[in-house]
C-alpha atoms as a PDB file:
ATOM      1  CA  MET A   1       1.129  21.045  23.955  1.00  0.00           C
ATOM      2  CA  ALA A   2       3.134  18.962  21.288  1.00  0.00           C
ATOM      3  CA  THR A   3       0.890  16.775  19.249  1.00  0.00           C
ATOM      4  CA  ALA A   4       1.437  13.379  17.350  1.00  0.00           C
ATOM      5  CA  PHE A   5       2.077  14.953  14.013  1.00  0.00           C
ATOM      6  CA  ASP A   6       4.015  18.260  15.076  1.00  0.00           C
ATOM      7  CA  GLY A   7       7.346  16.429  14.393  1.00  0.00           C
ATOM      8  CA  GLY A   8       6.289  14.661  11.138  1.00  0.00           C
ATOM      9  CA  ILE A   9       5.004  11.385  10.327  1.00  0.00           C
ATOM     10  CA  PRO A  10       6.164   9.341  13.450  1.00  0.00           C
ATOM     11  CA  ALA A  11       9.132   6.864  12.685  1.00  0.00           C
ATOM     12  CA  SER A  12       7.164   3.746  13.600  1.00  0.00           C
ATOM     13  CA  TRP A  13       4.429   4.619  10.848  1.00  0.00           C
ATOM     14  CA  THR A  14       4.642   3.350   7.297  1.00  0.00           C
ATOM     15  CA  CYS A  15       3.312   5.123   4.003  1.00  0.00           C
ATOM     16  CA  THR A  16       2.568   3.670   0.800  1.00  0.00           C
ATOM     17  CA  GLY A  17       1.939   6.476  -1.822  1.00  0.00           C
ATOM     18  CA  ASN A  18       1.986  10.014  -0.765  1.00  0.00           C
ATOM     19  CA  CYS A  19       1.658  11.015   2.975  1.00  0.00           C
ATOM     20  CA  GLY A  20       2.625  13.784   5.127  1.00  0.00           C
ATOM     21  CA  THR A  21       1.855  16.459   7.778  1.00  0.00           C
ATOM     22  CA  LEU A  22       0.737  19.964   7.756  1.00  0.00           C
ATOM     23  CA  GLY A  23      -0.660  22.892   9.840  1.00  0.00           C
ATOM     24  CA  ALA A  24      -3.593  24.921   8.615  1.00  0.00           C
ATOM     25  CA  ASP A  25      -3.394  24.841   4.861  1.00  0.00           C
ATOM     26  CA  GLY A  26      -6.150  26.610   2.545  1.00  0.00           C
ATOM     27  CA  ASP A  27      -9.583  25.129   3.314  1.00  0.00           C
ATOM     28  CA  VAL A  28      -8.288  22.632   5.915  1.00  0.00           C
ATOM     29  CA  THR A  29      -7.945  24.124   9.313  1.00  0.00           C
ATOM     30  CA  THR A  30      -6.034  22.707  12.411  1.00  0.00           C
ATOM     31  CA  SER A  31      -8.136  19.905  13.906  1.00  0.00           C
ATOM     32  CA  PRO A  32      -9.849  20.549  17.364  1.00  0.00           C
ATOM     33  CA  GLU A  33      -6.584  18.920  18.902  1.00  0.00           C
ATOM     34  CA  GLY A  34      -4.518  21.972  17.434  1.00  0.00           C
ATOM     35  CA  GLY A  35      -1.009  21.684  15.957  1.00  0.00           C
ATOM     36  CA  ASP A  36      -0.206  19.619  12.744  1.00  0.00           C
ATOM     37  CA  TYR A  37      -2.132  16.994  11.353  1.00  0.00           C
ATOM     38  CA  GLY A  38      -1.280  13.948   9.177  1.00  0.00           C
ATOM     39  CA  TRP A  39      -2.722  13.455   5.616  1.00  0.00           C
ATOM     40  CA  VAL A  40      -2.825  11.157   2.729  1.00  0.00           C
ATOM     41  CA  SER A  41      -3.397  12.133  -0.926  1.00  0.00           C
ATOM     42  CA  THR A  42      -4.070  10.537  -4.446  1.00  0.00           C
ATOM     43  CA  ASP A  43      -1.714  13.011  -5.732  1.00  0.00           C
ATOM     44  CA  ASN A  44       1.278  11.049  -6.875  1.00  0.00           C
ATOM     45  CA  GLY A  45      -0.144   8.040  -5.151  1.00  0.00           C
ATOM     46  CA  ALA A  46       0.836   4.360  -5.576  1.00  0.00           C
ATOM     47  CA  SER A  47      -0.413   2.958  -8.990  1.00  0.00           C
ATOM     48  CA  SER A  48      -1.949  -0.004  -7.150  1.00  0.00           C
ATOM     49  CA  LEU A  49      -2.538  -0.820  -3.568  1.00  0.00           C
ATOM     50  CA  GLY A  50      -3.514  -4.296  -4.230  1.00  0.00           C
ATOM     51  CA  ASN A  51      -5.830  -5.766  -1.580  1.00  0.00           C
ATOM     52  CA  ASP A  52      -4.928  -2.921   0.726  1.00  0.00           C
ATOM     53  CA  ASP A  53      -7.869  -0.772  -0.265  1.00  0.00           C
ATOM     54  CA  LEU A  54     -11.503  -1.773   0.167  1.00  0.00           C
ATOM     55  CA  ASN A  55     -11.274  -3.592  -2.985  1.00  0.00           C
ATOM     56  CA  ILE A  56     -14.680  -2.977  -4.310  1.00  0.00           C
ATOM     57  CA  GLY A  57     -13.593  -2.694  -8.120  1.00  0.00           C
ATOM     58  CA  GLU A  58     -12.000  -0.134 -10.441  1.00  0.00           C
ATOM     59  CA  GLU A  59      -9.723   1.391  -7.829  1.00  0.00           C
ATOM     60  CA  THR A  60      -6.764   3.133  -9.625  1.00  0.00           C
ATOM     61  CA  ASN A  61      -3.952   5.113  -7.722  1.00  0.00           C
ATOM     62  CA  GLY A  62      -4.082   6.038  -3.954  1.00  0.00           C
ATOM     63  CA  SER A  63      -2.142   6.284  -0.706  1.00  0.00           C
ATOM     64  CA  LEU A  64      -2.387   4.643   2.835  1.00  0.00           C
ATOM     65  CA  LEU A  65      -0.583   5.390   6.133  1.00  0.00           C
ATOM     66  CA  ARG A  66      -0.298   2.733   8.831  1.00  0.00           C
ATOM     67  CA  SER A  67       0.567   3.388  12.453  1.00  0.00           C
ATOM     68  CA  GLY A  68       3.130   1.418  14.430  1.00  0.00           C
ATOM     69  CA  VAL A  69       1.846  -1.252  16.698  1.00  0.00           C
ATOM     70  CA  PHE A  70       0.200  -0.033  19.827  1.00  0.00           C
ATOM     71  CA  SER A  71      -1.526  -1.955  22.710  1.00  0.00           C
ATOM     72  CA  ALA A  72      -5.158  -1.651  23.896  1.00  0.00           C
ATOM     73  CA  ASN A  73      -7.405  -3.079  26.491  1.00  0.00           C
ATOM     74  CA  ALA A  74     -10.840  -4.513  25.944  1.00  0.00           C
ATOM     75  CA  GLY A  75     -13.247  -1.410  26.543  1.00  0.00           C
ATOM     76  CA  ASP A  76     -10.678   1.108  25.578  1.00  0.00           C
ATOM     77  CA  ASP A  77     -12.029   3.944  23.157  1.00  0.00           C
ATOM     78  CA  LEU A  78     -10.059   4.602  20.073  1.00  0.00           C
ATOM     79  CA  GLU A  79     -10.650   8.316  18.959  1.00  0.00           C
ATOM     80  CA  PHE A  80      -9.485  10.614  16.327  1.00  0.00           C
ATOM     81  CA  TYR A  81     -10.658  13.336  13.863  1.00  0.00           C
ATOM     82  CA  PHE A  82     -10.721  13.346  10.051  1.00  0.00           C
ATOM     83  CA  ASN A  83     -11.411  15.626   7.180  1.00  0.00           C
ATOM     84  CA  TYR A  84     -12.109  14.198   3.799  1.00  0.00           C
ATOM     85  CA  VAL A  85     -11.259  16.527   0.879  1.00  0.00           C
ATOM     86  CA  THR A  86     -11.913  16.194  -2.823  1.00  0.00           C
ATOM     87  CA  SER A  87     -11.645  17.843  -6.051  1.00  0.00           C
ATOM     88  CA  ASP A  88     -13.671  15.241  -7.976  1.00  0.00           C
ATOM     89  CA  GLY A  89     -17.268  15.793  -7.545  1.00  0.00           C
ATOM     90  CA  THR A  90     -19.021  13.563 -10.058  1.00  0.00           C
ATOM     91  CA  GLU A  91     -21.217  10.374  -9.504  1.00  0.00           C
ATOM     92  CA  SER A  92     -19.234   8.641 -12.191  1.00  0.00           C
ATOM     93  CA  TYR A  93     -15.666   8.935 -10.646  1.00  0.00           C
ATOM     94  CA  VAL A  94     -16.383   8.309  -6.894  1.00  0.00           C
ATOM     95  CA  GLU A  95     -13.256   8.344  -5.002  1.00  0.00           C
ATOM     96  CA  TYR A  96     -13.219   7.136  -1.390  1.00  0.00           C
ATOM     97  CA  GLY A  97     -11.293   7.222   1.908  1.00  0.00           C
ATOM     98  CA  TRP A  98     -11.393   4.914   4.973  1.00  0.00           C
ATOM     99  CA  ALA A  99      -9.890   4.184   8.202  1.00  0.00           C
ATOM    100  CA  ARG A 100      -9.435   0.557   9.522  1.00  0.00           C
ATOM    101  CA  LEU A 101      -8.273  -1.040  12.721  1.00  0.00           C
ATOM    102  CA  LEU A 102      -5.984  -3.942  11.998  1.00  0.00           C
ATOM    103  CA  ASP A 103      -4.286  -6.481  14.150  1.00  0.00           C
ATOM    104  CA  ALA A 104      -0.580  -6.732  14.365  1.00  0.00           C
ATOM    105  CA  ALA A 105      -0.495  -9.154  11.480  1.00  0.00           C
ATOM    106  CA  LEU A 106      -2.386  -6.868   9.287  1.00  0.00           C
ATOM    107  CA  ASN A 107      -5.822  -8.735   9.645  1.00  0.00           C
ATOM    108  CA  PRO A 108      -8.877  -6.263   9.446  1.00  0.00           C
ATOM    109  CA  VAL A 109     -10.595  -5.912  12.800  1.00  0.00           C
ATOM    110  CA  ALA A 110     -12.863  -3.080  12.090  1.00  0.00           C
ATOM    111  CA  LEU A 111     -13.785  -0.543   9.454  1.00  0.00           C
ATOM    112  CA  LEU A 112     -13.899   2.540  11.386  1.00  0.00           C
ATOM    113  CA  PHE A 113     -15.102   4.935   8.708  1.00  0.00           C
ATOM    114  CA  THR A 114     -15.635   5.616   5.049  1.00  0.00           C
ATOM    115  CA  ALA A 115     -15.963   8.799   3.101  1.00  0.00           C
ATOM    116  CA  ARG A 116     -16.817   9.161  -0.705  1.00  0.00           C
ATOM    117  CA  THR A 117     -17.508  11.769  -3.177  1.00  0.00           C
ATOM    118  CA  ASN A 118     -21.345  12.126  -3.229  1.00  0.00           C
ATOM    119  CA  PRO A 119     -22.863  15.261  -4.896  1.00  0.00           C
ATOM    120  CA  VAL A 120     -26.461  14.469  -3.666  1.00  0.00           C
ATOM    121  CA  GLY A 121     -26.072  13.378  -0.230  1.00  0.00           C
ATOM    122  CA  SER A 122     -24.055  12.510   2.864  1.00  0.00           C
ATOM    123  CA  ALA A 123     -20.264  11.697   2.003  1.00  0.00           C
ATOM    124  CA  VAL A 124     -19.729  10.007   5.362  1.00  0.00           C
ATOM    125  CA  PRO A 125     -20.219   7.157   5.538  1.00  0.00           C
ATOM    126  CA  GLY A 126     -19.458   6.470   1.914  1.00  0.00           C
ATOM    127  CA  PHE A 127     -22.461   5.088  -0.301  1.00  0.00           C
ATOM    128  CA  ASP A 128     -22.174   1.608  -1.611  1.00  0.00           C
ATOM    129  CA  LEU A 129     -19.209   0.873   0.796  1.00  0.00           C
ATOM    130  CA  PRO A 130     -19.249  -1.748   3.575  1.00  0.00           C
ATOM    131  CA  PRO A 131     -20.938  -0.518   6.881  1.00  0.00           C
ATOM    132  CA  ILE A 132     -18.714   1.358   9.357  1.00  0.00           C
ATOM    133  CA  GLU A 133     -18.328   0.235  12.988  1.00  0.00           C
ATOM    134  CA  ALA A 134     -17.180   3.444  14.601  1.00  0.00           C
ATOM    135  CA  THR A 135     -19.625   6.035  15.743  1.00  0.00           C
ATOM    136  CA  ILE A 136     -19.208   9.432  13.806  1.00  0.00           C
ATOM    137  CA  ASP A 137     -19.923  12.980  15.015  1.00  0.00           C
ATOM    138  CA  PRO A 138     -21.776  14.398  13.189  1.00  0.00           C
ATOM    139  CA  ALA A 139     -23.676  11.331  12.049  1.00  0.00           C
ATOM    140  CA  VAL A 140     -24.485  12.917   8.555  1.00  0.00           C
ATOM    141  CA  VAL A 141     -21.636  14.662   6.775  1.00  0.00           C
ATOM    142  CA  ASN A 142     -22.020  16.622   3.518  1.00  0.00           C
ATOM    143  CA  ILE A 143     -19.242  18.041   1.395  1.00  0.00           C
ATOM    144  CA  SER A 144     -19.187  21.700   1.133  1.00  0.00           C
ATOM    145  CA  GLY A 145     -16.741  24.392  -0.050  1.00  0.00           C
ATOM    146  CA  ALA A 146     -16.909  23.815  -3.907  1.00  0.00           C
ATOM    147  CA  ALA A 147     -13.284  23.848  -5.499  1.00  0.00           C
ATOM    148  CA  PRO A 148     -11.212  22.957  -2.316  1.00  0.00           C
ATOM    149  CA  THR A 149      -7.924  24.748  -1.695  1.00  0.00           C
ATOM    150  CA  TRP A 150      -5.303  22.402  -0.092  1.00  0.00           C
ATOM    151  CA  SER A 151      -1.821  21.780  -1.180  1.00  0.00           C
ATOM    152  CA  PRO A 152      -1.856  18.051  -0.794  1.00  0.00           C
ATOM    153  CA  LEU A 153      -4.106  18.001  -3.751  1.00  0.00           C
ATOM    154  CA  GLY A 154      -1.293  19.055  -5.965  1.00  0.00           C
ATOM    155  CA  ASP A 155      -2.189  20.656  -9.112  1.00  0.00           C
ATOM    156  CA  ASP A 156      -5.987  19.970  -8.490  1.00  0.00           C
ATOM    157  CA  SER A 157      -5.843  22.436  -5.395  1.00  0.00           C
ATOM    158  CA  GLY A 158      -8.459  25.009  -6.210  1.00  0.00           C
ATOM    159  CA  GLU A 159     -10.000  22.997  -9.039  1.00  0.00           C
ATOM    160  CA  CYS A 160     -13.293  21.152  -9.191  1.00  0.00           C
ATOM    161  CA  TYR A 161     -14.943  18.576 -11.433  1.00  0.00           C
ATOM    162  CA  GLY A 162     -18.702  18.267 -10.894  1.00  0.00           C
ATOM    163  CA  ASP A 163     -20.918  19.272  -8.076  1.00  0.00           C
ATOM    164  CA  GLY A 164     -19.766  17.336  -5.149  1.00  0.00           C
ATOM    165  CA  CYS A 165     -16.307  18.926  -4.651  1.00  0.00           C
ATOM    166  CA  GLY A 166     -15.279  20.325  -1.182  1.00  0.00           C
ATOM    167  CA  TYR A 167     -14.422  19.011   2.150  1.00  0.00           C
ATOM    168  CA  SER A 168     -16.280  17.409   5.039  1.00  0.00           C
ATOM    169  CA  GLY A 169     -14.825  19.475   7.896  1.00  0.00           C
ATOM    170  CA  TRP A 170     -13.411  17.909  10.945  1.00  0.00           C
ATOM    171  CA  VAL A 171     -15.434  14.744  11.870  1.00  0.00           C
ATOM    172  CA  GLN A 172     -14.826  12.800  15.221  1.00  0.00           C
ATOM    173  CA  SER A 173     -14.605   8.903  15.091  1.00  0.00           C
ATOM    174  CA  LEU A 174     -15.094   6.844  18.238  1.00  0.00           C
ATOM    175  CA  TYR A 175     -14.706   3.123  18.340  1.00  0.00           C
ATOM    176  CA  THR A 176     -14.622   0.859  21.552  1.00  0.00           C
ATOM    177  CA  ILE A 177     -12.114  -1.817  21.352  1.00  0.00           C
ATOM    178  CA  PRO A 178     -13.754  -5.111  21.963  1.00  0.00           C
ATOM    179  CA  ASN A 179     -10.685  -7.299  22.972  1.00  0.00           C
ATOM    180  CA  ALA A 180      -7.362  -6.731  24.386  1.00  0.00           C
ATOM    181  CA  GLY A 181      -4.339  -7.106  21.998  1.00  0.00           C
ATOM    182  CA  ASN A 182      -1.974  -5.126  19.740  1.00  0.00           C
ATOM    183  CA  TYR A 183      -3.234  -3.214  16.870  1.00  0.00           C
ATOM    184  CA  ILE A 184      -2.444  -1.044  13.858  1.00  0.00           C
ATOM    185  CA  LEU A 185      -4.341   1.938  12.615  1.00  0.00           C
ATOM    186  CA  GLU A 186      -4.663   2.463   8.907  1.00  0.00           C
ATOM    187  CA  PHE A 187      -5.790   5.634   6.893  1.00  0.00           C
ATOM    188  CA  GLY A 188      -6.162   5.312   3.188  1.00  0.00           C
ATOM    189  CA  VAL A 189      -7.644   7.269   0.071  1.00  0.00           C
ATOM    190  CA  ILE A 190      -7.857   6.119  -3.511  1.00  0.00           C
ATOM    191  CA  ASN A 191      -9.129   7.265  -6.926  1.00  0.00           C
ATOM    192  CA  TRP A 192     -11.797   5.216  -8.608  1.00  0.00           C
ATOM    193  CA  GLY A 193     -12.460   4.761 -12.276  1.00  0.00           C
ATOM    194  CA  ASP A 194      -9.542   7.121 -13.212  1.00  0.00           C
ATOM    195  CA  THR A 195      -6.658   8.970 -12.077  1.00  0.00           C
ATOM    196  CA  ALA A 196      -7.823  12.569 -12.702  1.00  0.00           C
ATOM    197  CA  TYR A 197      -8.826  15.166  -9.973  1.00  0.00           C
ATOM    198  CA  ASN A 198      -7.191  14.328  -6.734  1.00  0.00           C
ATOM    199  CA  THR A 199      -8.760  13.517  -3.340  1.00  0.00           C
ATOM    200  CA  GLY A 200      -7.043  13.585   0.158  1.00  0.00           C
ATOM    201  CA  MET A 201      -7.690  13.175   3.816  1.00  0.00           C
ATOM    202  CA  ALA A 202      -6.324  14.658   6.895  1.00  0.00           C
ATOM    203  CA  PHE A 203      -6.544  13.091  10.415  1.00  0.00           C
ATOM    204  CA  ASP A 204      -5.376  14.047  14.010  1.00  0.00           C
ATOM    205  CA  GLY A 205      -6.003  13.773  17.599  1.00  0.00           C
ATOM    206  CA  ILE A 206      -5.576   9.956  17.751  1.00  0.00           C
ATOM    207  CA  THR A 207      -5.988   8.547  21.286  1.00  0.00           C
ATOM    208  CA  ILE A 208      -6.536   5.179  22.983  1.00  0.00           C
ATOM    209  CA  ALA A 209      -8.096   5.542  26.318  1.00  0.00           C
ATOM    210  CA  GLY A 210      -7.376   9.143  26.364  1.00  0.00           C
ATOM    211  CA  THR A 211      -3.741   9.118  25.516  1.00  0.00           C
ATOM    212  CA  SER A 212      -1.846   9.296  22.221  1.00  0.00           C
ATOM    213  CA  ILE A 213      -1.134   5.872  20.603  1.00  0.00           C
ATOM    214  CA  GLU A 214       2.397   7.221  20.136  1.00  0.00           C
ATOM    215  CA  ASP A 215       2.675   7.930  23.840  1.00  0.00           C
ATOM    216  CA  PRO A 216       0.196   5.736  25.860  1.00  0.00           C
ATOM    217  CA  SER A 217       2.267   6.344  29.086  1.00  0.00           C
ATOM    218  CA  GLY A 218       1.837  10.025  28.682  1.00  0.00           C
ATOM    219  CA  ASP A 219       5.351  10.739  29.607  1.00  0.00           C
ATOM    220  CA  GLY A 220       7.074  11.344  26.150  1.00  0.00           C
ATOM    221  CA  THR A 221       8.275   7.852  25.663  1.00  0.00           C
ATOM    222  CA  VAL A 222       6.992   5.305  23.005  1.00  0.00           C
ATOM    223  CA  PRO A 223       7.154   1.923  24.743  1.00  0.00           C
ATOM    224  CA  ALA A 224       7.558  -1.442  22.792  1.00  0.00           C
ATOM    225  CA  PRO A 225       4.443  -3.367  21.853  1.00  0.00           C
ATOM    226  CA  ALA A 226       3.529  -5.884  24.436  1.00  0.00           C
ATOM    227  CA  THR A 227       4.851  -8.835  22.468  1.00  0.00           C
ATOM    228  CA  LEU A 228       8.176  -7.147  21.944  1.00  0.00           C
ATOM    229  CA  ALA A 229       8.488  -6.163  25.586  1.00  0.00           C
ATOM    230  CA  LEU A 230       7.848  -9.949  26.581  1.00  0.00           C
ATOM    231  CA  PHE A 231      10.581 -11.030  23.883  1.00  0.00           C
ATOM    232  CA  ALA A 232      12.990  -8.513  25.623  1.00  0.00           C
ATOM    233  CA  ILE A 233      12.140  -9.900  28.867  1.00  0.00           C
ATOM    234  CA  GLY A 234      12.992 -13.302  27.882  1.00  0.00           C
ATOM    235  CA  LEU A 235      16.390 -12.221  26.366  1.00  0.00           C
ATOM    236  CA  LEU A 236      17.158 -10.755  29.700  1.00  0.00           C
ATOM    237  CA  GLY A 237      16.335 -13.924  31.400  1.00  0.00           C
ATOM    238  CA  LEU A 238      18.441 -15.947  28.834  1.00  0.00           C
ATOM    239  CA  GLY A 239      21.400 -13.642  29.746  1.00  0.00           C
ATOM    240  CA  TYR A 240      20.928 -14.085  33.504  1.00  0.00           C
ATOM    241  CA  ARG A 241      20.979 -17.892  33.073  1.00  0.00           C
ATOM    242  CA  ARG A 242      24.136 -17.941  30.874  1.00  0.00           C
ATOM    243  CA  HIS A 243      26.019 -15.832  33.504  1.00  0.00           C
ATOM    244  CA  ASN A 244      24.990 -18.269  36.313  1.00  0.00           C
ATOM    245  CA  VAL A 245      25.714 -21.450  34.285  1.00  0.00           C
END
């Protein structure tokens, strides 16, 4: 069965910095969904994400990827897998990754998860970052694998600085949508304190109420967001009135 990233980044998604898709590569296996996964990396990342990161201070370069607008009902479960990978393992230059749910106007709705370099404890959720609102499985995630091999890290693939390098393995995130509406899902990763030793994150298996956010009908088509659909209905009605004047 084809998965969301098998054909590359979906056309409705937008990338700032360095984003892409891959199958199994180095230490990053395919996700539990199978097929290709999406990724973001600080390698060749944007020099500044402005306020589009978590804005805790001393962020440098990074990347983020935002989905197209999708609709959800109250009580729908938003689920996906992620895998945080870092070649920077010190307590001094503690990069981080995150996923957020935004509304259609890009206002934050929920901070779903964070991941941060941590040589002495759990990397997920990230320490000294705002609390997360999704349930993650496993609940405590330690970085393992030492110098990670993964091509999105660029020249830092197979390198390690400090004791906290490695990868989280695939972690599941589950968040229940509180209110019906149109939403955007955002994945990001950023360097902190300097731009040396890259960090990245893979993600896959993104579903809302059990179906892909790129294909909520399950029939291989991507419908317009609800607001756009209503607009289209309005235009059809206008055309009907003109023909009958």
